[in-house]
């Protein structure tokens, strides 16, 4: 089983296919990697679809604290902040 670290690296690797990156995000959700998913949503330079997928996975996990942090952060893209609102 891949580690949280390797899945995170795979999800942000620009050389990886979009599908590979989405699968890595899904795997992060499966193993409950809230911190890594939260970081994905807040990191500028990561493709919007990956960031939105990370927010969806956080919602599936019921990670309310992480979602509140994202929705309140002015450093996060407004569309992502809005999506993170509970």
C-alpha atoms as a PDB file:
ATOM      1  CA  UNK A   1       0.000   0.000   0.000  1.00  0.00           C
ATOM      2  CA  UNK A   2       1.391   3.419  -0.942  1.00  0.00           C
ATOM      3  CA  UNK A   3       2.182   5.862   1.849  1.00  0.00           C
ATOM      4  CA  UNK A   4       0.450   9.191   2.414  1.00  0.00           C
ATOM      5  CA  UNK A   5       3.636  10.895   1.299  1.00  0.00           C
ATOM      6  CA  UNK A   6       3.971   8.987  -1.977  1.00  0.00           C
ATOM      7  CA  UNK A   7       0.272   9.481  -2.786  1.00  0.00           C
ATOM      8  CA  UNK A   8       0.579  13.196  -2.097  1.00  0.00           C
ATOM      9  CA  UNK A   9       3.634  13.436  -4.332  1.00  0.00           C
ATOM     10  CA  UNK A  10       1.799  11.552  -7.050  1.00  0.00           C
ATOM     11  CA  UNK A  11      -1.212  13.870  -6.791  1.00  0.00           C
ATOM     12  CA  UNK A  12       0.916  16.994  -7.309  1.00  0.00           C
ATOM     13  CA  UNK A  13       3.288  15.607  -9.959  1.00  0.00           C
ATOM     14  CA  UNK A  14       2.744  17.619 -13.107  1.00  0.00           C
ATOM     15  CA  UNK A  15       4.289  14.784 -15.112  1.00  0.00           C
ATOM     16  CA  UNK A  16       1.563  12.358 -13.941  1.00  0.00           C
ATOM     17  CA  UNK A  17      -1.600  11.979 -15.989  1.00  0.00           C
ATOM     18  CA  UNK A  18      -4.762  13.639 -14.755  1.00  0.00           C
ATOM     19  CA  UNK A  19      -6.286  10.210 -14.095  1.00  0.00           C
ATOM     20  CA  UNK A  20      -3.268   9.118 -12.035  1.00  0.00           C
ATOM     21  CA  UNK A  21      -3.504  12.284  -9.995  1.00  0.00           C
ATOM     22  CA  UNK A  22      -7.246  11.769  -9.385  1.00  0.00           C
ATOM     23  CA  UNK A  23      -6.638   8.187  -8.332  1.00  0.00           C
ATOM     24  CA  UNK A  24      -4.001   9.365  -5.861  1.00  0.00           C
ATOM     25  CA  UNK A  25      -6.509  11.820  -4.365  1.00  0.00           C
ATOM     26  CA  UNK A  26      -9.056   9.008  -4.045  1.00  0.00           C
ATOM     27  CA  UNK A  27      -6.476   6.835  -2.328  1.00  0.00           C
ATOM     28  CA  UNK A  28      -5.660   9.658   0.080  1.00  0.00           C
ATOM     29  CA  UNK A  29      -9.339   9.730   0.992  1.00  0.00           C
ATOM     30  CA  UNK A  30      -9.445   5.956   1.376  1.00  0.00           C
ATOM     31  CA  UNK A  31      -6.633   6.023   3.922  1.00  0.00           C
ATOM     32  CA  UNK A  32      -8.031   9.088   5.720  1.00  0.00           C
ATOM     33  CA  UNK A  33      -5.192  11.474   4.878  1.00  0.00           C
ATOM     34  CA  UNK A  34      -6.985  14.672   5.918  1.00  0.00           C
ATOM     35  CA  UNK A  35      -3.809  16.751   6.255  1.00  0.00           C
ATOM     36  CA  UNK A  36      -2.606  15.863   2.760  1.00  0.00           C
ATOM     37  CA  UNK A  37      -6.016  16.507   1.194  1.00  0.00           C
ATOM     38  CA  UNK A  38      -6.255  19.823   2.999  1.00  0.00           C
ATOM     39  CA  UNK A  39      -2.809  20.829   1.769  1.00  0.00           C
ATOM     40  CA  UNK A  40      -3.828  19.985  -1.803  1.00  0.00           C
ATOM     41  CA  UNK A  41      -6.785  22.363  -1.620  1.00  0.00           C
ATOM     42  CA  UNK A  42      -4.682  25.211  -0.259  1.00  0.00           C
ATOM     43  CA  UNK A  43      -1.649  24.959  -2.530  1.00  0.00           C
ATOM     44  CA  UNK A  44      -1.521  27.417  -5.399  1.00  0.00           C
ATOM     45  CA  UNK A  45      -0.276  25.961  -8.654  1.00  0.00           C
ATOM     46  CA  UNK A  46      -2.209  22.705  -8.361  1.00  0.00           C
ATOM     47  CA  UNK A  47      -4.834  22.229 -11.060  1.00  0.00           C
ATOM     48  CA  UNK A  48      -8.356  23.257 -10.092  1.00  0.00           C
ATOM     49  CA  UNK A  49      -9.927  19.840 -10.756  1.00  0.00           C
ATOM     50  CA  UNK A  50      -7.476  18.197  -8.351  1.00  0.00           C
ATOM     51  CA  UNK A  51      -8.141  20.825  -5.686  1.00  0.00           C
ATOM     52  CA  UNK A  52     -11.913  20.442  -6.101  1.00  0.00           C
ATOM     53  CA  UNK A  53     -11.598  16.654  -5.902  1.00  0.00           C
ATOM     54  CA  UNK A  54      -9.652  17.040  -2.647  1.00  0.00           C
ATOM     55  CA  UNK A  55     -12.454  19.191  -1.196  1.00  0.00           C
ATOM     56  CA  UNK A  56     -15.028  16.542  -2.189  1.00  0.00           C
ATOM     57  CA  UNK A  57     -12.938  13.856  -0.491  1.00  0.00           C
ATOM     58  CA  UNK A  58     -12.654  15.959   2.670  1.00  0.00           C
ATOM     59  CA  UNK A  59     -16.436  16.281   2.699  1.00  0.00           C
ATOM     60  CA  UNK A  60     -16.781  12.516   2.298  1.00  0.00           C
ATOM     61  CA  UNK A  61     -14.486  12.079   5.301  1.00  0.00           C
ATOM     62  CA  UNK A  62     -16.491  14.582   7.341  1.00  0.00           C
ATOM     63  CA  UNK A  63     -13.357  16.654   7.951  1.00  0.00           C
ATOM     64  CA  UNK A  64     -15.250  19.701   9.200  1.00  0.00           C
ATOM     65  CA  UNK A  65     -12.265  21.363  10.867  1.00  0.00           C
ATOM     66  CA  UNK A  66     -10.179  21.178   7.690  1.00  0.00           C
ATOM     67  CA  UNK A  67     -13.100  22.397   5.570  1.00  0.00           C
ATOM     68  CA  UNK A  68     -13.699  25.352   7.901  1.00  0.00           C
ATOM     69  CA  UNK A  69     -10.024  26.297   7.709  1.00  0.00           C
ATOM     70  CA  UNK A  70     -10.126  26.179   3.904  1.00  0.00           C
ATOM     71  CA  UNK A  71     -13.363  28.160   3.653  1.00  0.00           C
ATOM     72  CA  UNK A  72     -11.976  30.906   5.912  1.00  0.00           C
ATOM     73  CA  UNK A  73      -8.526  31.216   4.332  1.00  0.00           C
ATOM     74  CA  UNK A  74      -8.066  34.273   2.111  1.00  0.00           C
ATOM     75  CA  UNK A  75      -5.038  32.564   0.554  1.00  0.00           C
ATOM     76  CA  UNK A  76      -7.295  29.929  -1.035  1.00  0.00           C
ATOM     77  CA  UNK A  77      -8.994  30.502  -4.381  1.00  0.00           C
ATOM     78  CA  UNK A  78     -12.524  31.874  -3.799  1.00  0.00           C
ATOM     79  CA  UNK A  79     -14.163  29.020  -5.754  1.00  0.00           C
ATOM     80  CA  UNK A  80     -12.399  26.446  -3.574  1.00  0.00           C
ATOM     81  CA  UNK A  81     -13.333  28.367  -0.416  1.00  0.00           C
ATOM     82  CA  UNK A  82     -16.947  28.398  -1.506  1.00  0.00           C
ATOM     83  CA  UNK A  83     -16.932  24.681  -2.262  1.00  0.00           C
ATOM     84  CA  UNK A  84     -15.454  23.974   1.196  1.00  0.00           C
ATOM     85  CA  UNK A  85     -18.289  25.728   2.993  1.00  0.00           C
ATOM     86  CA  UNK A  86     -20.414  23.283   4.956  1.00  0.00           C
END
